[in-house]
Every structure is written in C-alpha cells, then in structure tokens.
Amino acid sequence: MIEVAIKRDDKDRISSVSVKNHGDPIVCSAVSILLLNTVNSIEAFTKALFSFDSAEEGGDSVLTLTHYDSEGKAELLMNSLVLGYKSIEESYNNEIVVID
C-alpha cells in the first residue's frame, strides 16, 4: 500500500509530502506523476525554495518546502497535490492512504 504523509507548518500550510511503498502499478504511476509534476511546477512557476529527495530503488520520495513564495503559488500547488492524492484515495482506498 502506498502511504502519503502530509506535514503542515504552524500556519497550517503544507510543508512536506512524503510518499512511501508501492502498490498497484497504475496507482503508483498516478502518485508519481502528480509528485513530479508538482516539483517541476514549483521550480518553473514560483520563487519558492524546496528540496526533493527520491530513493533510486523503491521510489520513496519527499518534497519539502523550505521557503514559500510571496505570491502563494507554491502553497496552491502543494494543496493541489494533496487534493489529487485524496481523490485517488477515494477511488483506490485499498491501494493508497493519505495521512494529513
């Protein structure tokens, strides 16, 4: 089962998203694509600072925002990521759990 753990800062903004384990290949692909698209979007469209770590084997990944942009774009992208994960969880609750 894929486990998505959400951490929030003291202002209730999403500060990190951690993805662990594997599951159904289609669900795993959707989870990975959402995460990679969010990383690419934060880099391309915001001035936020972040780190992204991904294990070479197994695909466990962590996206951490270290500094938000003043326009709120990174916050919107992180909220969109979590919305996507929660939508997948509704349809495939035997394959993914989102801990928020």
PDB file of N, CA and C in Angstrom:
ATOM      1  N   MET A   1       0.842  -1.182   0.000  1.00  0.00           N
ATOM      2  CA  MET A   1       0.000   0.000   0.000  1.00  0.00           C
ATOM      3  C   MET A   1       0.883   1.241   0.000  1.00  0.00           C
ATOM      4  N   ILE A   2       0.503   2.207  -0.794  1.00  0.00           N
ATOM      5  CA  ILE A   2       1.218   3.480  -0.866  1.00  0.00           C
ATOM      6  C   ILE A   2       0.781   4.341   0.306  1.00  0.00           C
ATOM      7  N   GLU A   3       1.749   4.931   0.982  1.00  0.00           N
ATOM      8  CA  GLU A   3       1.467   5.811   2.112  1.00  0.00           C
ATOM      9  C   GLU A   3       1.954   7.219   1.787  1.00  0.00           C
ATOM     10  N   VAL A   4       1.040   8.173   1.836  1.00  0.00           N
ATOM     11  CA  VAL A   4       1.362   9.579   1.608  1.00  0.00           C
ATOM     12  C   VAL A   4       1.191  10.296   2.940  1.00  0.00           C
ATOM     13  N   ALA A   5       2.268  10.862   3.451  1.00  0.00           N
ATOM     14  CA  ALA A   5       2.221  11.580   4.728  1.00  0.00           C
ATOM     15  C   ALA A   5       2.390  13.073   4.474  1.00  0.00           C
ATOM     16  N   ILE A   6       1.456  13.852   4.984  1.00  0.00           N
ATOM     17  CA  ILE A   6       1.455  15.300   4.819  1.00  0.00           C
ATOM     18  C   ILE A   6       1.885  15.927   6.143  1.00  0.00           C
ATOM     19  N   LYS A   7       2.820  16.856   6.077  1.00  0.00           N
ATOM     20  CA  LYS A   7       3.204  17.629   7.260  1.00  0.00           C
ATOM     21  C   LYS A   7       2.846  19.083   7.005  1.00  0.00           C
ATOM     22  N   ARG A   8       2.405  19.743   8.062  1.00  0.00           N
ATOM     23  CA  ARG A   8       2.000  21.148   7.961  1.00  0.00           C
ATOM     24  C   ARG A   8       2.820  21.994   8.928  1.00  0.00           C
ATOM     25  N   ASP A   9       2.980  23.280   8.565  1.00  0.00           N
ATOM     26  CA  ASP A   9       3.705  24.197   9.442  1.00  0.00           C
ATOM     27  C   ASP A   9       2.739  24.831  10.447  1.00  0.00           C
ATOM     28  N   ASP A  10       3.244  25.764  11.229  1.00  0.00           N
ATOM     29  CA  ASP A  10       2.427  26.392  12.268  1.00  0.00           C
ATOM     30  C   ASP A  10       1.321  27.284  11.711  1.00  0.00           C
ATOM     31  N   LYS A  11       1.356  27.569  10.410  1.00  0.00           N
ATOM     32  CA  LYS A  11       0.291  28.343   9.753  1.00  0.00           C
ATOM     33  C   LYS A  11      -0.659  27.430   8.975  1.00  0.00           C
ATOM     34  N   ASP A  12      -0.551  26.113   9.206  1.00  0.00           N
ATOM     35  CA  ASP A  12      -1.371  25.084   8.573  1.00  0.00           C
ATOM     36  C   ASP A  12      -1.127  24.964   7.067  1.00  0.00           C
ATOM     37  N   ARG A  13       0.034  25.447   6.610  1.00  0.00           N
ATOM     38  CA  ARG A  13       0.417  25.264   5.204  1.00  0.00           C
ATOM     39  C   ARG A  13       1.147  23.927   5.079  1.00  0.00           C
ATOM     40  N   ILE A  14       0.987  23.283   3.954  1.00  0.00           N
ATOM     41  CA  ILE A  14       1.673  22.015   3.717  1.00  0.00           C
ATOM     42  C   ILE A  14       3.158  22.304   3.559  1.00  0.00           C
ATOM     43  N   SER A  15       3.959  21.715   4.429  1.00  0.00           N
ATOM     44  CA  SER A  15       5.401  21.952   4.372  1.00  0.00           C
ATOM     45  C   SER A  15       6.155  20.786   3.732  1.00  0.00           C
ATOM     46  N   SER A  16       5.580  19.582   3.802  1.00  0.00           N
ATOM     47  CA  SER A  16       6.232  18.466   3.126  1.00  0.00           C
ATOM     48  C   SER A  16       5.231  17.362   2.813  1.00  0.00           C
ATOM     49  N   VAL A  17       5.569  16.613   1.788  1.00  0.00           N
ATOM     50  CA  VAL A  17       4.791  15.457   1.362  1.00  0.00           C
ATOM     51  C   VAL A  17       5.774  14.310   1.176  1.00  0.00           C
ATOM     52  N   SER A  18       5.491  13.218   1.871  1.00  0.00           N
ATOM     53  CA  SER A  18       6.339  12.034   1.802  1.00  0.00           C
ATOM     54  C   SER A  18       5.535  10.887   1.201  1.00  0.00           C
ATOM     55  N   VAL A  19       6.120  10.209   0.215  1.00  0.00           N
ATOM     56  CA  VAL A  19       5.462   9.077  -0.439  1.00  0.00           C
ATOM     57  C   VAL A  19       6.327   7.843  -0.229  1.00  0.00           C
ATOM     58  N   LYS A  20       5.701   6.790   0.328  1.00  0.00           N
ATOM     59  CA  LYS A  20       6.445   5.554   0.605  1.00  0.00           C
ATOM     60  C   LYS A  20       5.679   4.337   0.125  1.00  0.00           C
ATOM     61  N   ASN A  21       6.436   3.302  -0.165  1.00  0.00           N
ATOM     62  CA  ASN A  21       5.907   1.988  -0.532  1.00  0.00           C
ATOM     63  C   ASN A  21       5.392   1.957  -1.963  1.00  0.00           C
ATOM     64  N   HIS A  22       4.953   0.767  -2.335  1.00  0.00           N
ATOM     65  CA  HIS A  22       4.442   0.542  -3.684  1.00  0.00           C
ATOM     66  C   HIS A  22       3.050  -0.028  -3.611  1.00  0.00           C
ATOM     67  N   GLY A  23       2.400  -0.027  -4.747  1.00  0.00           N
ATOM     68  CA  GLY A  23       1.072  -0.596  -4.843  1.00  0.00           C
ATOM     69  C   GLY A  23       0.794  -0.981  -6.264  1.00  0.00           C
ATOM     70  N   ASP A  24      -0.460  -0.946  -6.620  1.00  0.00           N
ATOM     71  CA  ASP A  24      -0.883  -1.223  -7.982  1.00  0.00           C
ATOM     72  C   ASP A  24      -0.103  -0.330  -8.941  1.00  0.00           C
ATOM     73  N   PRO A  25       0.432  -0.877 -10.029  1.00  0.00           N
ATOM     74  CA  PRO A  25       1.257  -0.077 -10.940  1.00  0.00           C
ATOM     75  C   PRO A  25       0.561   1.175 -11.486  1.00  0.00           C
ATOM     76  N   ILE A  26      -0.724   1.103 -11.754  1.00  0.00           N
ATOM     77  CA  ILE A  26      -1.432   2.268 -12.280  1.00  0.00           C
ATOM     78  C   ILE A  26      -1.546   3.347 -11.210  1.00  0.00           C
ATOM     79  N   VAL A  27      -1.889   2.960  -9.981  1.00  0.00           N
ATOM     80  CA  VAL A  27      -1.997   3.922  -8.884  1.00  0.00           C
ATOM     81  C   VAL A  27      -0.620   4.498  -8.564  1.00  0.00           C
ATOM     82  N   CYS A  28       0.389   3.648  -8.558  1.00  0.00           N
ATOM     83  CA  CYS A  28       1.761   4.096  -8.285  1.00  0.00           C
ATOM     84  C   CYS A  28       2.203   5.117  -9.333  1.00  0.00           C
ATOM     85  N   SER A  29       1.870   4.869 -10.587  1.00  0.00           N
ATOM     86  CA  SER A  29       2.224   5.807 -11.646  1.00  0.00           C
ATOM     87  C   SER A  29       1.519   7.146 -11.460  1.00  0.00           C
ATOM     88  N   ALA A  30       0.246   7.105 -11.111  1.00  0.00           N
ATOM     89  CA  ALA A  30      -0.505   8.348 -10.895  1.00  0.00           C
ATOM     90  C   ALA A  30       0.089   9.145  -9.739  1.00  0.00           C
ATOM     91  N   VAL A  31       0.437   8.472  -8.664  1.00  0.00           N
ATOM     92  CA  VAL A  31       1.029   9.129  -7.491  1.00  0.00           C
ATOM     93  C   VAL A  31       2.364   9.760  -7.872  1.00  0.00           C
ATOM     94  N   SER A  32       3.180   9.038  -8.606  1.00  0.00           N
ATOM     95  CA  SER A  32       4.492   9.541  -9.013  1.00  0.00           C
ATOM     96  C   SER A  32       4.369  10.735  -9.958  1.00  0.00           C
ATOM     97  N   ILE A  33       3.463  10.644 -10.906  1.00  0.00           N
ATOM     98  CA  ILE A  33       3.284  11.730 -11.869  1.00  0.00           C
ATOM     99  C   ILE A  33       2.825  13.006 -11.172  1.00  0.00           C
ATOM    100  N   LEU A  34       1.872  12.887 -10.248  1.00  0.00           N
ATOM    101  CA  LEU A  34       1.421  14.070  -9.510  1.00  0.00           C
ATOM    102  C   LEU A  34       2.572  14.725  -8.754  1.00  0.00           C
ATOM    103  N   LEU A  35       3.394  13.910  -8.109  1.00  0.00           N
ATOM    104  CA  LEU A  35       4.507  14.452  -7.328  1.00  0.00           C
ATOM    105  C   LEU A  35       5.540  15.118  -8.232  1.00  0.00           C
ATOM    106  N   LEU A  36       5.939  14.452  -9.288  1.00  0.00           N
ATOM    107  CA  LEU A  36       6.943  15.023 -10.185  1.00  0.00           C
ATOM    108  C   LEU A  36       6.439  16.279 -10.883  1.00  0.00           C
ATOM    109  N   ASN A  37       5.166  16.294 -11.249  1.00  0.00           N
ATOM    110  CA  ASN A  37       4.601  17.491 -11.865  1.00  0.00           C
ATOM    111  C   ASN A  37       4.598  18.656 -10.873  1.00  0.00           C
ATOM    112  N   THR A  38       4.315  18.385  -9.619  1.00  0.00           N
ATOM    113  CA  THR A  38       4.330  19.434  -8.603  1.00  0.00           C
ATOM    114  C   THR A  38       5.742  19.978  -8.416  1.00  0.00           C
ATOM    115  N   VAL A  39       6.724  19.114  -8.347  1.00  0.00           N
ATOM    116  CA  VAL A  39       8.122  19.540  -8.222  1.00  0.00           C
ATOM    117  C   VAL A  39       8.500  20.422  -9.404  1.00  0.00           C
ATOM    118  N   ASN A  40       8.202  19.959 -10.612  1.00  0.00           N
ATOM    119  CA  ASN A  40       8.534  20.730 -11.814  1.00  0.00           C
ATOM    120  C   ASN A  40       7.796  22.067 -11.850  1.00  0.00           C
ATOM    121  N   SER A  41       6.543  22.082 -11.427  1.00  0.00           N
ATOM    122  CA  SER A  41       5.751  23.313 -11.431  1.00  0.00           C
ATOM    123  C   SER A  41       6.259  24.316 -10.411  1.00  0.00           C
ATOM    124  N   ILE A  42       6.617  23.843  -9.228  1.00  0.00           N
ATOM    125  CA  ILE A  42       7.164  24.759  -8.217  1.00  0.00           C
ATOM    126  C   ILE A  42       8.458  25.383  -8.738  1.00  0.00           C
ATOM    127  N   GLU A  43       9.290  24.556  -9.352  1.00  0.00           N
ATOM    128  CA  GLU A  43      10.555  25.061  -9.887  1.00  0.00           C
ATOM    129  C   GLU A  43      10.333  26.058 -11.036  1.00  0.00           C
ATOM    130  N   ALA A  44       9.394  25.759 -11.915  1.00  0.00           N
ATOM    131  CA  ALA A  44       9.194  26.579 -13.110  1.00  0.00           C
ATOM    132  C   ALA A  44       8.383  27.846 -12.858  1.00  0.00           C
ATOM    133  N   PHE A  45       7.436  27.782 -11.955  1.00  0.00           N
ATOM    134  CA  PHE A  45       6.467  28.876 -11.836  1.00  0.00           C
ATOM    135  C   PHE A  45       6.533  29.681 -10.546  1.00  0.00           C
ATOM    136  N   THR A  46       7.416  29.298  -9.618  1.00  0.00           N
ATOM    137  CA  THR A  46       7.463  30.021  -8.342  1.00  0.00           C
ATOM    138  C   THR A  46       8.902  30.392  -7.990  1.00  0.00           C
ATOM    139  N   LYS A  47       9.010  31.193  -6.964  1.00  0.00           N
ATOM    140  CA  LYS A  47      10.322  31.530  -6.401  1.00  0.00           C
ATOM    141  C   LYS A  47      10.515  30.853  -5.053  1.00  0.00           C
ATOM    142  N   ALA A  48       9.690  29.846  -4.781  1.00  0.00           N
ATOM    143  CA  ALA A  48       9.791  29.107  -3.529  1.00  0.00           C
ATOM    144  C   ALA A  48      11.072  28.280  -3.514  1.00  0.00           C
ATOM    145  N   LEU A  49      11.559  28.012  -2.320  1.00  0.00           N
ATOM    146  CA  LEU A  49      12.717  27.147  -2.137  1.00  0.00           C
ATOM    147  C   LEU A  49      12.227  25.801  -1.626  1.00  0.00           C
ATOM    148  N   PHE A  50      12.791  24.745  -2.167  1.00  0.00           N
ATOM    149  CA  PHE A  50      12.343  23.406  -1.793  1.00  0.00           C
ATOM    150  C   PHE A  50      13.467  22.404  -1.960  1.00  0.00           C
ATOM    151  N   SER A  51      13.257  21.230  -1.376  1.00  0.00           N
ATOM    152  CA  SER A  51      14.150  20.100  -1.629  1.00  0.00           C
ATOM    153  C   SER A  51      13.287  18.922  -2.059  1.00  0.00           C
ATOM    154  N   PHE A  52      13.870  18.092  -2.900  1.00  0.00           N
ATOM    155  CA  PHE A  52      13.187  16.887  -3.360  1.00  0.00           C
ATOM    156  C   PHE A  52      14.174  15.750  -3.307  1.00  0.00           C
ATOM    157  N   ASP A  53      13.835  14.743  -2.538  1.00  0.00           N
ATOM    158  CA  ASP A  53      14.682  13.566  -2.403  1.00  0.00           C
ATOM    159  C   ASP A  53      13.899  12.347  -2.845  1.00  0.00           C
ATOM    160  N   SER A  54      14.534  11.537  -3.677  1.00  0.00           N
ATOM    161  CA  SER A  54      13.883  10.329  -4.167  1.00  0.00           C
ATOM    162  C   SER A  54      14.886   9.185  -4.146  1.00  0.00           C
ATOM    163  N   ALA A  55      14.489   8.069  -3.558  1.00  0.00           N
ATOM    164  CA  ALA A  55      15.361   6.900  -3.496  1.00  0.00           C
ATOM    165  C   ALA A  55      15.510   6.295  -4.890  1.00  0.00           C
ATOM    166  N   GLU A  56      16.722   5.902  -5.198  1.00  0.00           N
ATOM    167  CA  GLU A  56      16.964   5.277  -6.503  1.00  0.00           C
ATOM    168  C   GLU A  56      16.190   3.973  -6.638  1.00  0.00           C
ATOM    169  N   GLU A  57      16.123   3.224  -5.569  1.00  0.00           N
ATOM    170  CA  GLU A  57      15.389   1.963  -5.564  1.00  0.00           C
ATOM    171  C   GLU A  57      14.147   2.130  -4.695  1.00  0.00           C
ATOM    172  N   GLY A  58      13.028   1.716  -5.186  1.00  0.00           N
ATOM    173  CA  GLY A  58      11.809   1.737  -4.394  1.00  0.00           C
ATOM    174  C   GLY A  58      10.929   2.943  -4.602  1.00  0.00           C
ATOM    175  N   GLY A  59      11.504   4.060  -5.032  1.00  0.00           N
ATOM    176  CA  GLY A  59      10.699   5.219  -5.358  1.00  0.00           C
ATOM    177  C   GLY A  59      10.212   6.066  -4.201  1.00  0.00           C
ATOM    178  N   ASP A  60      10.616   5.747  -2.957  1.00  0.00           N
ATOM    179  CA  ASP A  60      10.209   6.599  -1.839  1.00  0.00           C
ATOM    180  C   ASP A  60      10.730   8.008  -2.082  1.00  0.00           C
ATOM    181  N   SER A  61       9.863   9.005  -1.843  1.00  0.00           N
ATOM    182  CA  SER A  61      10.207  10.390  -2.165  1.00  0.00           C
ATOM    183  C   SER A  61       9.687  11.342  -1.104  1.00  0.00           C
ATOM    184  N   VAL A  62      10.392  12.479  -0.970  1.00  0.00           N
ATOM    185  CA  VAL A  62       9.966  13.528  -0.048  1.00  0.00           C
ATOM    186  C   VAL A  62      10.157  14.878  -0.730  1.00  0.00           C
ATOM    187  N   LEU A  63       9.087  15.654  -0.765  1.00  0.00           N
ATOM    188  CA  LEU A  63       9.120  17.032  -1.247  1.00  0.00           C
ATOM    189  C   LEU A  63       8.930  17.930  -0.033  1.00  0.00           C
ATOM    190  N   THR A  64       9.897  18.816   0.204  1.00  0.00           N
ATOM    191  CA  THR A  64       9.840  19.709   1.358  1.00  0.00           C
ATOM    192  C   THR A  64       9.998  21.147   0.897  1.00  0.00           C
ATOM    193  N   LEU A  65       9.049  21.987   1.271  1.00  0.00           N
ATOM    194  CA  LEU A  65       9.165  23.418   1.001  1.00  0.00           C
ATOM    195  C   LEU A  65       9.920  24.046   2.159  1.00  0.00           C
ATOM    196  N   THR A  66      11.014  24.735   1.837  1.00  0.00           N
ATOM    197  CA  THR A  66      11.813  25.379   2.878  1.00  0.00           C
ATOM    198  C   THR A  66      11.528  26.872   2.968  1.00  0.00           C
ATOM    199  N   HIS A  67      10.947  27.434   1.905  1.00  0.00           N
ATOM    200  CA  HIS A  67      10.577  28.854   1.906  1.00  0.00           C
ATOM    201  C   HIS A  67       9.486  29.053   0.857  1.00  0.00           C
ATOM    202  N   TYR A  68       8.335  29.574   1.306  1.00  0.00           N
ATOM    203  CA  TYR A  68       7.235  29.831   0.381  1.00  0.00           C
ATOM    204  C   TYR A  68       7.488  31.098  -0.422  1.00  0.00           C
ATOM    205  N   ASP A  69       6.919  31.178  -1.603  1.00  0.00           N
ATOM    206  CA  ASP A  69       6.963  32.395  -2.418  1.00  0.00           C
ATOM    207  C   ASP A  69       5.903  33.368  -1.900  1.00  0.00           C
ATOM    208  N   SER A  70       6.120  34.637  -2.124  1.00  0.00           N
ATOM    209  CA  SER A  70       5.211  35.658  -1.599  1.00  0.00           C
ATOM    210  C   SER A  70       3.869  35.679  -2.333  1.00  0.00           C
ATOM    211  N   GLU A  71       3.807  35.137  -3.540  1.00  0.00           N
ATOM    212  CA  GLU A  71       2.559  35.142  -4.302  1.00  0.00           C
ATOM    213  C   GLU A  71       1.615  34.012  -3.906  1.00  0.00           C
ATOM    214  N   GLY A  72       2.080  33.038  -3.158  1.00  0.00           N
ATOM    215  CA  GLY A  72       1.242  31.917  -2.744  1.00  0.00           C
ATOM    216  C   GLY A  72       1.105  30.810  -3.775  1.00  0.00           C
ATOM    217  N   LYS A  73       1.918  30.865  -4.823  1.00  0.00           N
ATOM    218  CA  LYS A  73       1.817  29.854  -5.881  1.00  0.00           C
ATOM    219  C   LYS A  73       2.233  28.463  -5.394  1.00  0.00           C
ATOM    220  N   ALA A  74       3.308  28.397  -4.635  1.00  0.00           N
ATOM    221  CA  ALA A  74       3.772  27.095  -4.145  1.00  0.00           C
ATOM    222  C   ALA A  74       2.748  26.475  -3.203  1.00  0.00           C
ATOM    223  N   GLU A  75       2.134  27.304  -2.377  1.00  0.00           N
ATOM    224  CA  GLU A  75       1.098  26.806  -1.470  1.00  0.00           C
ATOM    225  C   GLU A  75      -0.077  26.228  -2.267  1.00  0.00           C
ATOM    226  N   LEU A  76      -0.490  26.925  -3.315  1.00  0.00           N
ATOM    227  CA  LEU A  76      -1.567  26.437  -4.180  1.00  0.00           C
ATOM    228  C   LEU A  76      -1.183  25.110  -4.832  1.00  0.00           C
ATOM    229  N   LEU A  77       0.039  25.006  -5.322  1.00  0.00           N
ATOM    230  CA  LEU A  77       0.484  23.768  -5.963  1.00  0.00           C
ATOM    231  C   LEU A  77       0.532  22.605  -4.967  1.00  0.00           C
ATOM    232  N   MET A  78       0.970  22.867  -3.743  1.00  0.00           N
ATOM    233  CA  MET A  78       1.004  21.812  -2.720  1.00  0.00           C
ATOM    234  C   MET A  78      -0.423  21.380  -2.356  1.00  0.00           C
ATOM    235  N   ASN A  79      -1.336  22.339  -2.242  1.00  0.00           N
ATOM    236  CA  ASN A  79      -2.735  21.996  -1.957  1.00  0.00           C
ATOM    237  C   ASN A  79      -3.333  21.180  -3.099  1.00  0.00           C
ATOM    238  N   SER A  80      -2.981  21.514  -4.320  1.00  0.00           N
ATOM    239  CA  SER A  80      -3.456  20.773  -5.477  1.00  0.00           C
ATOM    240  C   SER A  80      -2.920  19.337  -5.459  1.00  0.00           C
ATOM    241  N   LEU A  81      -1.669  19.173  -5.085  1.00  0.00           N
ATOM    242  CA  LEU A  81      -1.072  17.838  -4.974  1.00  0.00           C
ATOM    243  C   LEU A  81      -1.843  16.985  -3.979  1.00  0.00           C
ATOM    244  N   VAL A  82      -2.101  17.533  -2.811  1.00  0.00           N
ATOM    245  CA  VAL A  82      -2.817  16.777  -1.779  1.00  0.00           C
ATOM    246  C   VAL A  82      -4.251  16.479  -2.225  1.00  0.00           C
ATOM    247  N   LEU A  83      -4.889  17.425  -2.887  1.00  0.00           N
ATOM    248  CA  LEU A  83      -6.227  17.176  -3.421  1.00  0.00           C
ATOM    249  C   LEU A  83      -6.201  15.993  -4.392  1.00  0.00           C
ATOM    250  N   GLY A  84      -5.199  15.954  -5.251  1.00  0.00           N
ATOM    251  CA  GLY A  84      -5.060  14.839  -6.188  1.00  0.00           C
ATOM    252  C   GLY A  84      -4.885  13.516  -5.476  1.00  0.00           C
ATOM    253  N   TYR A  85      -4.040  13.504  -4.440  1.00  0.00           N
ATOM    254  CA  TYR A  85      -3.831  12.266  -3.676  1.00  0.00           C
ATOM    255  C   TYR A  85      -5.102  11.830  -2.959  1.00  0.00           C
ATOM    256  N   LYS A  86      -5.840  12.771  -2.400  1.00  0.00           N
ATOM    257  CA  LYS A  86      -7.082  12.417  -1.708  1.00  0.00           C
ATOM    258  C   LYS A  86      -8.137  11.914  -2.694  1.00  0.00           C
ATOM    259  N   SER A  87      -8.123  12.429  -3.907  1.00  0.00           N
ATOM    260  CA  SER A  87      -9.039  11.944  -4.943  1.00  0.00           C
ATOM    261  C   SER A  87      -8.702  10.508  -5.336  1.00  0.00           C
ATOM    262  N   ILE A  88      -7.427  10.221  -5.462  1.00  0.00           N
ATOM    263  CA  ILE A  88      -7.004   8.844  -5.761  1.00  0.00           C
ATOM    264  C   ILE A  88      -7.398   7.926  -4.610  1.00  0.00           C
ATOM    265  N   GLU A  89      -7.202   8.396  -3.385  1.00  0.00           N
ATOM    266  CA  GLU A  89      -7.546   7.587  -2.212  1.00  0.00           C
ATOM    267  C   GLU A  89      -9.038   7.233  -2.196  1.00  0.00           C
ATOM    268  N   GLU A  90      -9.903   8.164  -2.601  1.00  0.00           N
ATOM    269  CA  GLU A  90     -11.338   7.891  -2.633  1.00  0.00           C
ATOM    270  C   GLU A  90     -11.673   6.750  -3.587  1.00  0.00           C
ATOM    271  N   SER A  91     -10.971   6.696  -4.698  1.00  0.00           N
ATOM    272  CA  SER A  91     -11.257   5.663  -5.700  1.00  0.00           C
ATOM    273  C   SER A  91     -10.509   4.354  -5.459  1.00  0.00           C
ATOM    274  N   TYR A  92      -9.338   4.444  -4.830  1.00  0.00           N
ATOM    275  CA  TYR A  92      -8.474   3.271  -4.657  1.00  0.00           C
ATOM    276  C   TYR A  92      -8.026   3.152  -3.205  1.00  0.00           C
ATOM    277  N   ASN A  93      -8.995   3.137  -2.268  1.00  0.00           N
ATOM    278  CA  ASN A  93      -8.630   3.156  -0.853  1.00  0.00           C
ATOM    279  C   ASN A  93      -7.944   1.876  -0.372  1.00  0.00           C
ATOM    280  N   ASN A  94      -7.930   0.842  -1.181  1.00  0.00           N
ATOM    281  CA  ASN A  94      -7.164  -0.362  -0.825  1.00  0.00           C
ATOM    282  C   ASN A  94      -5.719  -0.256  -1.284  1.00  0.00           C
ATOM    283  N   GLU A  95      -5.393   0.780  -2.068  1.00  0.00           N
ATOM    284  CA  GLU A  95      -4.064   0.920  -2.645  1.00  0.00           C
ATOM    285  C   GLU A  95      -3.266   2.085  -2.079  1.00  0.00           C
ATOM    286  N   ILE A  96      -3.953   3.079  -1.499  1.00  0.00           N
ATOM    287  CA  ILE A  96      -3.269   4.298  -1.046  1.00  0.00           C
ATOM    288  C   ILE A  96      -3.953   4.826   0.206  1.00  0.00           C
ATOM    289  N   VAL A  97      -3.150   5.330   1.130  1.00  0.00           N
ATOM    290  CA  VAL A  97      -3.664   6.011   2.312  1.00  0.00           C
ATOM    291  C   VAL A  97      -2.957   7.351   2.406  1.00  0.00           C
ATOM    292  N   VAL A  98      -3.751   8.400   2.633  1.00  0.00           N
ATOM    293  CA  VAL A  98      -3.211   9.752   2.789  1.00  0.00           C
ATOM    294  C   VAL A  98      -3.369  10.141   4.249  1.00  0.00           C
ATOM    295  N   ILE A  99      -2.248  10.421   4.897  1.00  0.00           N
ATOM    296  CA  ILE A  99      -2.240  10.805   6.307  1.00  0.00           C
ATOM    297  C   ILE A  99      -1.982  12.306   6.363  1.00  0.00           C
ATOM    298  N   ASP A 100      -3.005  13.051   6.793  1.00  0.00           N
ATOM    299  CA  ASP A 100      -2.908  14.518   6.815  1.00  0.00           C
ATOM    300  C   ASP A 100      -3.253  15.023   8.213  1.00  0.00           C
TER     301      ASP A 100
END
